[in-house]
Amino acid sequence: MRSRGTTSHCRPARAARVRAENQVAAHEAHEDARAKRRSLAAWDEVPVSDWNYALAVSGEGDPKAEAKAVGDAFPWTPGAVPVVLTAPARKVPSWTLTPAGESPPLPPADAAQADEVTQVQLIPYGATHLRVSVFPRGR
């Protein structure tokens, strides 16, 4: 089954988010978990995959959703989600983690974006660990 995801604008005005039916979609950033302190059970999780994309949706059939059979699998794991959205996106090289490794604010509206359009997969927010669910709007 193929259907459409819905892109909506949110604050700030240069931001967009994607929903499929009643679920917020997120781009999963694969992470590396490292012990932050040896004396406490504290972890520092950093992305090891690309995550800094601007959505380049045209509003003409983007993003596309594909429903999948879940079967007996727990549907809130990345490999067993019931729906996967595919959306066009452009990398924003200047959008990086803060020096402390924290989530950065959205880049400025005029931030440089890659010319190449990449198709990114978005899955339900609850099935992700490190994630981006509010994106800058691409050109």
N, C-alpha and C. Protein backbone atom coordinates (compact mmCIF):
# COMPACT_ATOMS: atom_id res chain seq x y z
N MET A 1 0.84 -1.18 0.00
CA MET A 1 0.00 0.00 0.00
C MET A 1 0.88 1.23 0.00
N ARG A 2 0.61 2.17 -0.85
CA ARG A 2 1.36 3.41 -0.89
C ARG A 2 0.39 4.56 -0.63
N SER A 3 0.82 5.45 0.20
CA SER A 3 0.01 6.63 0.46
C SER A 3 0.96 7.80 0.67
N ARG A 4 0.42 8.94 0.97
CA ARG A 4 1.26 10.12 1.15
C ARG A 4 1.41 10.44 2.61
N GLY A 5 2.59 10.94 2.93
CA GLY A 5 2.80 11.54 4.24
C GLY A 5 2.37 12.98 4.13
N THR A 6 2.26 13.66 5.22
CA THR A 6 1.84 15.05 5.21
C THR A 6 2.94 15.91 5.79
N THR A 7 3.31 16.93 5.08
CA THR A 7 4.31 17.87 5.58
C THR A 7 3.56 19.08 6.13
N SER A 8 3.95 19.51 7.31
CA SER A 8 3.32 20.70 7.86
C SER A 8 4.41 21.66 8.32
N HIS A 9 4.08 22.91 8.30
CA HIS A 9 5.02 23.93 8.75
C HIS A 9 4.83 24.12 10.24
N CYS A 10 5.90 24.45 10.91
CA CYS A 10 5.82 24.69 12.34
C CYS A 10 6.75 25.84 12.68
N ARG A 11 6.76 26.23 13.89
CA ARG A 11 7.64 27.32 14.31
C ARG A 11 9.01 26.79 14.61
N PRO A 12 10.07 27.51 14.26
CA PRO A 12 10.05 28.76 13.51
C PRO A 12 9.58 28.55 12.08
N ALA A 13 9.32 29.65 11.39
CA ALA A 13 8.71 29.58 10.06
C ALA A 13 9.56 28.81 9.05
N ARG A 14 10.84 28.67 9.28
CA ARG A 14 11.71 27.96 8.34
C ARG A 14 11.76 26.45 8.61
N ALA A 15 10.89 25.96 9.48
CA ALA A 15 10.90 24.56 9.88
C ALA A 15 9.73 23.79 9.28
N ALA A 16 9.91 22.47 9.17
CA ALA A 16 8.85 21.59 8.69
C ALA A 16 8.92 20.28 9.46
N ARG A 17 7.79 19.63 9.59
CA ARG A 17 7.74 18.30 10.19
C ARG A 17 6.86 17.43 9.30
N VAL A 18 6.99 16.13 9.47
CA VAL A 18 6.25 15.19 8.64
C VAL A 18 5.41 14.30 9.53
N ARG A 19 4.18 14.07 9.09
CA ARG A 19 3.27 13.17 9.81
C ARG A 19 2.75 12.14 8.84
N ALA A 20 2.54 10.94 9.35
CA ALA A 20 1.88 9.89 8.59
C ALA A 20 0.68 9.48 9.41
N GLU A 21 -0.50 9.75 8.85
CA GLU A 21 -1.73 9.54 9.62
C GLU A 21 -1.63 10.38 10.89
N ASN A 22 -1.64 9.75 12.07
CA ASN A 22 -1.59 10.52 13.32
C ASN A 22 -0.24 10.42 14.01
N GLN A 23 0.80 9.99 13.29
CA GLN A 23 2.11 9.81 13.91
C GLN A 23 3.12 10.80 13.34
N VAL A 24 3.93 11.35 14.23
CA VAL A 24 5.03 12.20 13.80
C VAL A 24 6.14 11.30 13.30
N ALA A 25 6.73 11.67 12.17
CA ALA A 25 7.82 10.89 11.59
C ALA A 25 9.15 11.54 11.94
N ALA A 26 10.18 10.71 12.07
CA ALA A 26 11.51 11.20 12.42
C ALA A 26 12.56 10.48 11.59
N HIS A 27 13.65 11.19 11.34
CA HIS A 27 14.80 10.56 10.69
C HIS A 27 15.67 9.97 11.79
N GLU A 28 15.92 8.68 11.71
CA GLU A 28 16.72 8.01 12.73
C GLU A 28 18.20 8.26 12.48
N ALA A 29 18.89 8.77 13.48
CA ALA A 29 20.34 8.91 13.42
C ALA A 29 20.94 7.73 14.17
N HIS A 30 21.74 6.96 13.48
CA HIS A 30 22.40 5.82 14.14
C HIS A 30 23.40 6.39 15.13
N GLU A 31 23.50 5.74 16.31
CA GLU A 31 24.29 6.33 17.37
C GLU A 31 25.40 5.39 17.87
N ASP A 32 26.34 6.02 18.53
CA ASP A 32 27.40 5.31 19.23
C ASP A 32 27.28 5.74 20.69
N ALA A 33 27.06 4.78 21.57
CA ALA A 33 26.92 5.10 22.99
C ALA A 33 28.25 4.87 23.69
N ARG A 34 28.69 5.89 24.40
CA ARG A 34 29.96 5.81 25.12
C ARG A 34 29.71 6.17 26.59
N ALA A 35 30.42 5.50 27.45
CA ALA A 35 30.30 5.81 28.88
C ALA A 35 30.76 7.25 29.10
N LYS A 36 29.93 8.02 29.78
CA LYS A 36 30.27 9.42 30.05
C LYS A 36 31.11 9.51 31.32
N ARG A 37 30.70 8.80 32.32
CA ARG A 37 31.42 8.74 33.59
C ARG A 37 31.52 7.29 34.02
N ARG A 38 32.62 6.91 34.52
CA ARG A 38 32.78 5.52 34.92
C ARG A 38 32.06 5.22 36.23
N SER A 39 31.88 6.22 37.11
CA SER A 39 31.27 5.96 38.41
C SER A 39 29.74 5.92 38.36
N LEU A 40 29.14 6.48 37.30
CA LEU A 40 27.69 6.51 37.18
C LEU A 40 27.27 5.83 35.89
N ALA A 41 26.05 5.41 35.85
CA ALA A 41 25.51 4.82 34.62
C ALA A 41 25.02 5.94 33.71
N ALA A 42 25.94 6.74 33.22
CA ALA A 42 25.61 7.85 32.34
C ALA A 42 26.26 7.61 30.99
N TRP A 43 25.53 7.87 29.92
CA TRP A 43 26.02 7.61 28.59
C TRP A 43 25.94 8.86 27.74
N ASP A 44 26.90 8.98 26.86
CA ASP A 44 26.92 10.05 25.88
C ASP A 44 26.67 9.39 24.54
N GLU A 45 25.57 9.71 23.89
CA GLU A 45 25.25 9.10 22.62
C GLU A 45 25.42 10.12 21.52
N VAL A 46 26.23 9.78 20.54
CA VAL A 46 26.52 10.70 19.45
C VAL A 46 26.14 10.04 18.13
N PRO A 47 25.66 10.84 17.18
CA PRO A 47 25.29 10.25 15.89
C PRO A 47 26.53 9.82 15.11
N VAL A 48 26.42 8.67 14.44
CA VAL A 48 27.50 8.19 13.58
C VAL A 48 27.02 8.08 12.14
N SER A 49 25.83 8.54 11.87
CA SER A 49 25.31 8.59 10.50
C SER A 49 24.87 10.03 10.22
N ASP A 50 24.69 10.32 8.96
CA ASP A 50 24.24 11.67 8.59
C ASP A 50 22.84 11.92 9.14
N TRP A 51 22.62 13.10 9.64
CA TRP A 51 21.32 13.46 10.22
C TRP A 51 20.91 14.88 9.84
N ASN A 52 21.87 15.68 9.39
CA ASN A 52 21.64 17.11 9.18
C ASN A 52 21.12 17.41 7.77
N TYR A 53 19.85 17.11 7.59
CA TYR A 53 19.18 17.29 6.30
C TYR A 53 18.10 18.36 6.39
N ALA A 54 17.89 19.04 5.28
CA ALA A 54 16.75 19.92 5.11
C ALA A 54 15.77 19.20 4.19
N LEU A 55 14.49 19.22 4.52
CA LEU A 55 13.49 18.57 3.67
C LEU A 55 13.30 19.38 2.39
N ALA A 56 13.37 18.70 1.27
CA ALA A 56 13.23 19.34 -0.04
C ALA A 56 11.92 18.91 -0.67
N VAL A 57 10.86 18.90 0.10
CA VAL A 57 9.57 18.44 -0.41
C VAL A 57 8.94 19.52 -1.28
N SER A 58 8.32 19.07 -2.35
CA SER A 58 7.70 20.00 -3.30
C SER A 58 6.22 20.17 -3.02
N GLY A 59 5.65 19.25 -2.24
CA GLY A 59 4.22 19.28 -2.00
C GLY A 59 3.44 18.52 -3.06
N GLU A 60 4.15 17.97 -4.04
CA GLU A 60 3.51 17.22 -5.12
C GLU A 60 3.80 15.73 -4.95
N GLY A 61 3.17 15.11 -3.97
CA GLY A 61 3.36 13.68 -3.75
C GLY A 61 4.53 13.34 -2.84
N ASP A 62 5.18 14.33 -2.27
CA ASP A 62 6.27 14.10 -1.32
C ASP A 62 5.78 14.40 0.08
N PRO A 63 6.19 13.71 1.08
CA PRO A 63 6.90 12.44 1.03
C PRO A 63 5.95 11.29 0.72
N LYS A 64 6.52 10.15 0.36
CA LYS A 64 5.74 8.96 0.04
C LYS A 64 5.80 8.00 1.21
N ALA A 65 4.69 7.35 1.49
CA ALA A 65 4.61 6.40 2.60
C ALA A 65 4.41 5.00 2.06
N GLU A 66 5.03 4.05 2.73
CA GLU A 66 4.84 2.65 2.38
C GLU A 66 4.50 1.89 3.65
N ALA A 67 3.32 1.26 3.65
CA ALA A 67 2.90 0.46 4.80
C ALA A 67 3.55 -0.92 4.68
N LYS A 68 3.93 -1.46 5.82
CA LYS A 68 4.57 -2.78 5.85
C LYS A 68 3.83 -3.68 6.82
N ALA A 69 3.84 -4.96 6.53
CA ALA A 69 3.25 -5.93 7.46
C ALA A 69 4.18 -6.08 8.66
N VAL A 70 3.62 -6.02 9.84
CA VAL A 70 4.42 -6.11 11.06
C VAL A 70 4.56 -7.55 11.52
N GLY A 71 3.53 -8.34 11.33
CA GLY A 71 3.58 -9.73 11.78
C GLY A 71 3.67 -9.80 13.30
N ASP A 72 4.52 -10.68 13.80
CA ASP A 72 4.66 -10.86 15.24
C ASP A 72 5.71 -9.95 15.86
N ALA A 73 6.37 -9.14 15.06
CA ALA A 73 7.44 -8.27 15.56
C ALA A 73 6.85 -7.13 16.39
N PHE A 74 7.65 -6.62 17.32
CA PHE A 74 7.26 -5.44 18.11
C PHE A 74 7.37 -4.23 17.19
N PRO A 75 6.28 -3.52 16.92
CA PRO A 75 6.29 -2.49 15.89
C PRO A 75 7.07 -1.22 16.23
N TRP A 76 7.54 -1.07 17.44
CA TRP A 76 8.24 0.16 17.82
C TRP A 76 9.75 -0.02 17.84
N THR A 77 10.25 -0.85 16.94
CA THR A 77 11.69 -0.95 16.72
C THR A 77 11.94 -0.54 15.27
N PRO A 78 13.09 0.06 14.97
CA PRO A 78 13.32 0.58 13.62
C PRO A 78 13.14 -0.45 12.51
N GLY A 79 13.46 -1.71 12.74
CA GLY A 79 13.33 -2.71 11.70
C GLY A 79 11.94 -3.27 11.51
N ALA A 80 11.02 -2.93 12.39
CA ALA A 80 9.68 -3.53 12.32
C ALA A 80 8.56 -2.50 12.32
N VAL A 81 8.86 -1.27 11.93
CA VAL A 81 7.82 -0.23 11.94
C VAL A 81 6.76 -0.52 10.88
N PRO A 82 5.52 -0.14 11.14
CA PRO A 82 4.44 -0.43 10.19
C PRO A 82 4.41 0.50 8.99
N VAL A 83 5.09 1.62 9.04
CA VAL A 83 5.10 2.56 7.92
C VAL A 83 6.48 3.22 7.82
N VAL A 84 6.95 3.37 6.59
CA VAL A 84 8.21 4.06 6.32
C VAL A 84 7.91 5.14 5.29
N LEU A 85 8.32 6.36 5.58
CA LEU A 85 8.15 7.46 4.65
C LEU A 85 9.49 7.72 3.98
N THR A 86 9.45 8.08 2.73
CA THR A 86 10.66 8.46 1.99
C THR A 86 10.47 9.89 1.53
N ALA A 87 11.43 10.75 1.86
CA ALA A 87 11.31 12.16 1.52
C ALA A 87 12.61 12.66 0.91
N PRO A 88 12.51 13.56 -0.07
CA PRO A 88 13.71 14.16 -0.63
C PRO A 88 14.30 15.16 0.36
N ALA A 89 15.62 15.17 0.44
CA ALA A 89 16.29 16.06 1.39
C ALA A 89 17.64 16.48 0.84
N ARG A 90 18.12 17.59 1.36
CA ARG A 90 19.47 18.09 1.02
C ARG A 90 20.26 18.24 2.31
N LYS A 91 21.50 17.83 2.28
CA LYS A 91 22.37 17.93 3.44
C LYS A 91 22.68 19.41 3.71
N VAL A 92 22.74 19.76 4.99
CA VAL A 92 23.10 21.11 5.43
C VAL A 92 24.42 20.99 6.19
N PRO A 93 25.57 21.14 5.51
CA PRO A 93 26.87 20.88 6.14
C PRO A 93 27.16 21.73 7.38
N SER A 94 26.64 22.94 7.43
CA SER A 94 26.95 23.81 8.57
C SER A 94 26.11 23.49 9.81
N TRP A 95 25.11 22.66 9.67
CA TRP A 95 24.23 22.30 10.80
C TRP A 95 24.87 21.14 11.54
N THR A 96 25.56 21.44 12.61
CA THR A 96 26.31 20.43 13.36
C THR A 96 25.95 20.52 14.84
N LEU A 97 26.38 19.51 15.58
CA LEU A 97 26.16 19.52 17.03
C LEU A 97 26.91 20.69 17.64
N THR A 98 26.46 21.13 18.80
CA THR A 98 27.15 22.21 19.51
C THR A 98 28.51 21.68 19.99
N PRO A 99 29.43 22.56 20.38
CA PRO A 99 30.73 22.09 20.90
C PRO A 99 30.59 21.12 22.08
N ALA A 100 29.52 21.24 22.84
CA ALA A 100 29.29 20.34 23.97
C ALA A 100 28.61 19.04 23.52
N GLY A 101 28.34 18.91 22.21
CA GLY A 101 27.71 17.70 21.70
C GLY A 101 26.20 17.69 21.85
N GLU A 102 25.60 18.84 22.08
CA GLU A 102 24.15 18.93 22.29
C GLU A 102 23.42 19.20 20.98
N SER A 103 22.11 19.03 21.02
CA SER A 103 21.28 19.31 19.85
C SER A 103 21.39 20.77 19.46
N PRO A 104 21.63 21.04 18.20
CA PRO A 104 21.76 22.43 17.76
C PRO A 104 20.41 23.03 17.39
N PRO A 105 20.31 24.35 17.41
CA PRO A 105 19.10 24.98 16.87
C PRO A 105 19.08 24.79 15.36
N LEU A 106 17.93 25.04 14.74
CA LEU A 106 17.85 24.95 13.29
C LEU A 106 18.81 25.95 12.66
N PRO A 107 19.37 25.61 11.51
CA PRO A 107 20.28 26.56 10.85
C PRO A 107 19.49 27.75 10.31
N PRO A 108 20.20 28.83 10.00
CA PRO A 108 19.51 29.98 9.40
C PRO A 108 18.87 29.59 8.07
N ALA A 109 17.85 30.32 7.68
CA ALA A 109 17.12 30.01 6.44
C ALA A 109 18.02 30.07 5.23
N ASP A 110 19.07 30.89 5.27
CA ASP A 110 19.96 31.03 4.11
C ASP A 110 21.20 30.13 4.20
N ALA A 111 21.20 29.16 5.11
CA ALA A 111 22.34 28.24 5.24
C ALA A 111 22.52 27.45 3.94
N ALA A 112 23.77 27.25 3.56
CA ALA A 112 24.08 26.52 2.33
C ALA A 112 23.58 25.07 2.43
N GLN A 113 23.04 24.58 1.33
CA GLN A 113 22.56 23.20 1.25
C GLN A 113 23.24 22.53 0.06
N ALA A 114 23.45 21.24 0.18
CA ALA A 114 24.05 20.48 -0.92
C ALA A 114 23.14 20.54 -2.15
N ASP A 115 23.74 20.48 -3.32
CA ASP A 115 22.96 20.46 -4.55
C ASP A 115 22.28 19.11 -4.75
N GLU A 116 22.93 18.05 -4.29
CA GLU A 116 22.41 16.70 -4.48
C GLU A 116 21.21 16.45 -3.57
N VAL A 117 20.16 15.90 -4.15
CA VAL A 117 18.97 15.52 -3.38
C VAL A 117 19.12 14.05 -3.01
N THR A 118 18.94 13.76 -1.73
CA THR A 118 19.03 12.41 -1.20
C THR A 118 17.66 12.01 -0.70
N GLN A 119 17.29 10.76 -0.89
CA GLN A 119 16.04 10.25 -0.33
C GLN A 119 16.32 9.74 1.08
N VAL A 120 15.68 10.34 2.09
CA VAL A 120 15.87 9.89 3.47
C VAL A 120 14.63 9.14 3.93
N GLN A 121 14.85 8.19 4.80
CA GLN A 121 13.73 7.43 5.36
C GLN A 121 13.33 8.02 6.69
N LEU A 122 12.03 8.15 6.86
CA LEU A 122 11.46 8.65 8.11
C LEU A 122 10.57 7.55 8.66
N ILE A 123 10.69 7.31 9.95
CA ILE A 123 9.90 6.27 10.60
C ILE A 123 9.17 6.90 11.79
N PRO A 124 8.19 6.20 12.37
CA PRO A 124 7.48 6.78 13.51
C PRO A 124 8.44 7.20 14.64
N TYR A 125 8.18 8.36 15.18
CA TYR A 125 9.00 8.97 16.22
C TYR A 125 9.31 8.00 17.37
N GLY A 126 8.32 7.25 17.81
CA GLY A 126 8.49 6.36 18.95
C GLY A 126 9.40 5.18 18.69
N ALA A 127 9.76 4.92 17.43
CA ALA A 127 10.63 3.79 17.11
C ALA A 127 12.09 4.22 16.98
N THR A 128 12.37 5.48 17.24
CA THR A 128 13.73 5.99 17.09
C THR A 128 14.34 6.29 18.45
N HIS A 129 15.65 6.40 18.48
CA HIS A 129 16.34 6.74 19.71
C HIS A 129 16.93 8.13 19.56
N LEU A 130 17.99 8.27 18.79
CA LEU A 130 18.44 9.60 18.38
C LEU A 130 17.67 9.93 17.12
N ARG A 131 17.11 11.12 17.04
CA ARG A 131 16.21 11.42 15.93
C ARG A 131 16.14 12.90 15.63
N VAL A 132 15.71 13.19 14.43
CA VAL A 132 15.39 14.55 14.00
C VAL A 132 13.95 14.51 13.54
N SER A 133 13.09 15.31 14.16
CA SER A 133 11.69 15.31 13.77
C SER A 133 11.22 16.68 13.29
N VAL A 134 12.01 17.72 13.49
CA VAL A 134 11.73 19.04 12.94
C VAL A 134 12.93 19.39 12.07
N PHE A 135 12.66 19.66 10.82
CA PHE A 135 13.70 19.88 9.82
C PHE A 135 13.66 21.30 9.30
N PRO A 136 14.82 21.80 8.85
CA PRO A 136 14.77 23.05 8.08
C PRO A 136 14.09 22.76 6.75
N ARG A 137 13.46 23.76 6.19
CA ARG A 137 12.85 23.58 4.87
C ARG A 137 13.92 23.78 3.81
N GLY A 138 14.01 22.83 2.91
CA GLY A 138 15.00 22.89 1.84
C GLY A 138 14.49 23.70 0.67
N ARG A 139 15.38 23.92 -0.24
CA ARG A 139 15.00 24.63 -1.46
C ARG A 139 14.54 23.66 -2.51
